[in-house]
């Protein structure tokens, strides 16, 4: 059952022993990172998956984890960079858990490639920047309102309605400043 579950998971599931050696690598990890399970099992995860510029920090943090089962990412979901077999870095989301087996701490990470999400966030930010530029630079008065209250306006709207600052204008009732 466990193999069926981990084999059908869409996210990478990776387990390391107390020495930092990979002990489990599911098919999603193979697809995400390009390494077959037999290539990574028994290898130090931090030596091939962690981008070189972060390896010293990871090694230091793993020392603490080995002794205590604690760490900055343990029990959390964090964003980080990971390196694929072809050398390309990808943004990833890691959910990390500590498991005590005997008297040693092991770790299980569930890793999701968030490249598509990061691209969508960047496109949205660019779209917002474009919208903001058009909104702010228009010579026509532009306002946004909801439930009869002004939420935003451009400089042309402030001039048209005779206000000096957005703070004076925003929150005003649309009906209170509109002609009858």
Protein backbone atom coordinates (compact mmCIF):
# COMPACT_ATOMS: atom_id res chain seq x y z
CA UNK A 1 0.00 0.00 0.00
CA UNK A 2 2.74 2.43 0.90
CA UNK A 3 4.50 1.81 -2.44
CA UNK A 4 1.20 2.36 -4.29
CA UNK A 5 0.62 5.63 -2.44
CA UNK A 6 4.14 6.99 -2.87
CA UNK A 7 4.30 5.71 -6.44
CA UNK A 8 1.15 7.54 -7.44
CA UNK A 9 1.97 10.80 -5.62
CA UNK A 10 2.42 13.83 -7.87
CA UNK A 11 4.96 15.40 -5.50
CA UNK A 12 8.47 14.12 -4.89
CA UNK A 13 8.80 12.12 -1.68
CA UNK A 14 12.36 11.78 -0.44
CA UNK A 15 13.72 10.20 2.73
CA UNK A 16 17.20 10.67 4.20
CA UNK A 17 18.85 8.77 6.99
CA UNK A 18 20.78 10.33 9.85
CA UNK A 19 23.91 10.59 7.69
CA UNK A 20 22.11 12.57 5.00
CA UNK A 21 21.99 9.62 2.60
CA UNK A 22 18.93 9.13 0.40
CA UNK A 23 17.00 6.04 1.48
CA UNK A 24 13.79 6.62 -0.48
CA UNK A 25 13.12 8.38 -3.80
CA UNK A 26 9.68 8.02 -5.40
CA UNK A 27 8.81 8.18 -9.13
CA UNK A 28 7.73 11.83 -8.82
CA UNK A 29 11.21 12.64 -7.49
CA UNK A 30 12.64 10.93 -10.57
CA UNK A 31 10.41 13.01 -12.85
CA UNK A 32 11.06 16.27 -10.99
CA UNK A 33 14.83 16.02 -10.64
CA UNK A 34 15.83 13.68 -13.48
CA UNK A 35 17.65 11.14 -11.32
CA UNK A 36 16.54 7.51 -11.17
CA UNK A 37 16.15 6.15 -7.64
CA UNK A 38 19.12 3.81 -8.14
CA UNK A 39 21.35 6.83 -8.99
CA UNK A 40 20.64 8.63 -5.73
CA UNK A 41 19.94 5.94 -3.15
CA UNK A 42 22.88 5.90 -0.76
CA UNK A 43 24.18 9.31 -1.92
CA UNK A 44 24.28 12.49 0.18
CA UNK A 45 21.24 14.49 -0.90
CA UNK A 46 22.83 17.86 -0.18
CA UNK A 47 25.70 17.15 -2.58
CA UNK A 48 23.52 16.94 -5.69
CA UNK A 49 20.12 18.50 -5.00
CA UNK A 50 21.10 21.65 -3.10
CA UNK A 51 22.53 24.47 -5.26
CA UNK A 52 26.22 24.90 -4.52
CA UNK A 53 25.84 28.38 -3.02
CA UNK A 54 23.60 26.94 -0.26
CA UNK A 55 25.50 23.74 0.55
CA UNK A 56 27.52 25.07 3.48
CA UNK A 57 24.38 26.40 5.18
CA UNK A 58 22.55 23.13 4.58
CA UNK A 59 25.45 21.10 5.97
CA UNK A 60 25.53 23.24 9.12
CA UNK A 61 21.77 22.97 9.58
CA UNK A 62 21.84 19.22 8.99
CA UNK A 63 24.37 18.80 11.80
CA UNK A 64 21.88 20.30 14.23
CA UNK A 65 19.09 18.16 12.78
CA UNK A 66 21.12 14.95 13.19
CA UNK A 67 21.58 15.66 16.89
CA UNK A 68 18.16 17.04 17.80
CA UNK A 69 15.65 16.36 15.02
CA UNK A 70 15.07 20.12 14.92
CA UNK A 71 15.75 22.69 12.26
CA UNK A 72 14.46 25.83 10.63
CA UNK A 73 12.49 23.93 7.99
CA UNK A 74 11.33 20.97 10.10
CA UNK A 75 7.56 20.91 10.53
CA UNK A 76 7.10 23.71 8.00
CA UNK A 77 6.56 24.24 4.32
CA UNK A 78 9.27 26.46 2.84
CA UNK A 79 10.27 27.68 -0.60
CA UNK A 80 13.79 26.96 -1.76
CA UNK A 81 15.88 26.35 -4.85
CA UNK A 82 16.82 22.84 -5.96
CA UNK A 83 19.07 21.57 -8.74
CA UNK A 84 17.99 19.04 -11.33
CA UNK A 85 20.31 16.45 -12.85
CA UNK A 86 20.76 18.65 -15.94
CA UNK A 87 22.05 21.46 -13.69
CA UNK A 88 18.98 23.65 -14.04
CA UNK A 89 17.69 25.19 -10.82
CA UNK A 90 14.02 25.09 -10.06
CA UNK A 91 11.95 26.79 -7.40
CA UNK A 92 10.52 24.22 -5.04
CA UNK A 93 8.25 23.99 -2.04
CA UNK A 94 9.47 21.63 0.67
CA UNK A 95 7.42 20.17 3.52
CA UNK A 96 9.91 18.58 5.90
CA UNK A 97 9.29 16.15 8.74
CA UNK A 98 11.61 14.54 11.27
CA UNK A 99 11.23 10.87 12.14
CA UNK A 100 13.06 9.16 14.96
CA UNK A 101 14.06 5.61 14.08
CA UNK A 102 15.82 3.92 16.96
CA UNK A 103 18.05 6.58 18.43
CA UNK A 104 18.64 8.49 15.18
CA UNK A 105 16.77 11.25 13.36
CA UNK A 106 15.74 10.73 9.74
CA UNK A 107 13.93 13.18 7.48
CA UNK A 108 11.10 12.93 5.00
CA UNK A 109 10.61 15.70 2.52
CA UNK A 110 7.70 16.24 0.19
CA UNK A 111 8.89 18.47 -2.63
CA UNK A 112 6.78 20.24 -5.22
CA UNK A 113 8.16 21.95 -8.31
CA UNK A 114 6.59 25.42 -8.21
CA UNK A 115 8.04 26.70 -11.49
CA UNK A 116 4.59 27.17 -13.08
CA UNK A 117 3.28 28.97 -10.00
CA UNK A 118 6.31 31.30 -9.91
CA UNK A 119 5.86 32.06 -13.62
CA UNK A 120 2.16 32.82 -13.06
CA UNK A 121 3.03 35.08 -10.09
CA UNK A 122 5.60 36.94 -12.21
CA UNK A 123 3.08 37.36 -15.05
CA UNK A 124 0.47 38.64 -12.60
CA UNK A 125 2.95 41.10 -11.09
CA UNK A 126 3.86 42.35 -14.58
CA UNK A 127 0.18 42.68 -15.45
CA UNK A 128 -0.45 44.64 -12.25
CA UNK A 129 2.49 46.92 -13.02
CA UNK A 130 1.14 47.56 -16.53
CA UNK A 131 -2.35 48.23 -15.17
CA UNK A 132 -0.93 50.59 -12.53
CA UNK A 133 1.08 52.52 -15.14
CA UNK A 134 -1.97 52.95 -17.40
CA UNK A 135 -4.19 53.88 -14.46
CA UNK A 136 -1.75 56.43 -13.04
CA UNK A 137 -0.71 58.03 -16.33
CA UNK A 138 -4.16 58.47 -17.84
CA UNK A 139 -5.34 62.03 -18.36
CA UNK A 140 -8.88 60.74 -17.90
CA UNK A 141 -10.27 60.47 -14.39
CA UNK A 142 -10.31 56.85 -13.29
CA UNK A 143 -11.84 55.56 -10.08
CA UNK A 144 -12.54 52.20 -8.51
CA UNK A 145 -15.41 51.84 -6.13
CA UNK A 146 -17.36 49.13 -4.39
CA UNK A 147 -20.52 49.32 -2.31
CA UNK A 148 -20.70 53.04 -3.00
CA UNK A 149 -17.22 53.83 -1.58
CA UNK A 150 -14.14 54.91 -3.54
CA UNK A 151 -11.31 52.37 -3.27
CA UNK A 152 -8.76 53.92 -5.62
CA UNK A 153 -8.31 56.81 -8.03
CA UNK A 154 -5.71 58.36 -10.26
CA UNK A 155 -4.32 61.91 -10.21
CA UNK A 156 -6.77 63.03 -12.92
CA UNK A 157 -9.69 62.01 -10.67
CA UNK A 158 -8.24 63.96 -7.75
CA UNK A 159 -7.97 67.06 -9.95
CA UNK A 160 -11.47 66.58 -11.35
CA UNK A 161 -13.06 66.24 -7.90
CA UNK A 162 -10.85 68.89 -6.29
CA UNK A 163 -8.87 66.75 -3.82
CA UNK A 164 -5.16 67.09 -3.05
CA UNK A 165 -4.43 63.56 -1.82
CA UNK A 166 -5.79 60.07 -2.20
CA UNK A 167 -6.20 59.93 1.57
CA UNK A 168 -8.78 62.71 1.42
CA UNK A 169 -10.65 61.04 -1.43
CA UNK A 170 -10.61 57.30 -0.72
CA UNK A 171 -13.43 55.97 1.38
CA UNK A 172 -15.74 58.81 0.41
CA UNK A 173 -19.28 57.92 -0.55
CA UNK A 174 -19.77 58.07 -4.33
CA UNK A 175 -23.11 59.80 -3.92
CA UNK A 176 -21.70 62.51 -1.67
CA UNK A 177 -19.43 63.95 -4.35
CA UNK A 178 -21.40 63.17 -7.50
CA UNK A 179 -23.75 65.74 -8.98
CA UNK A 180 -27.44 64.98 -8.39
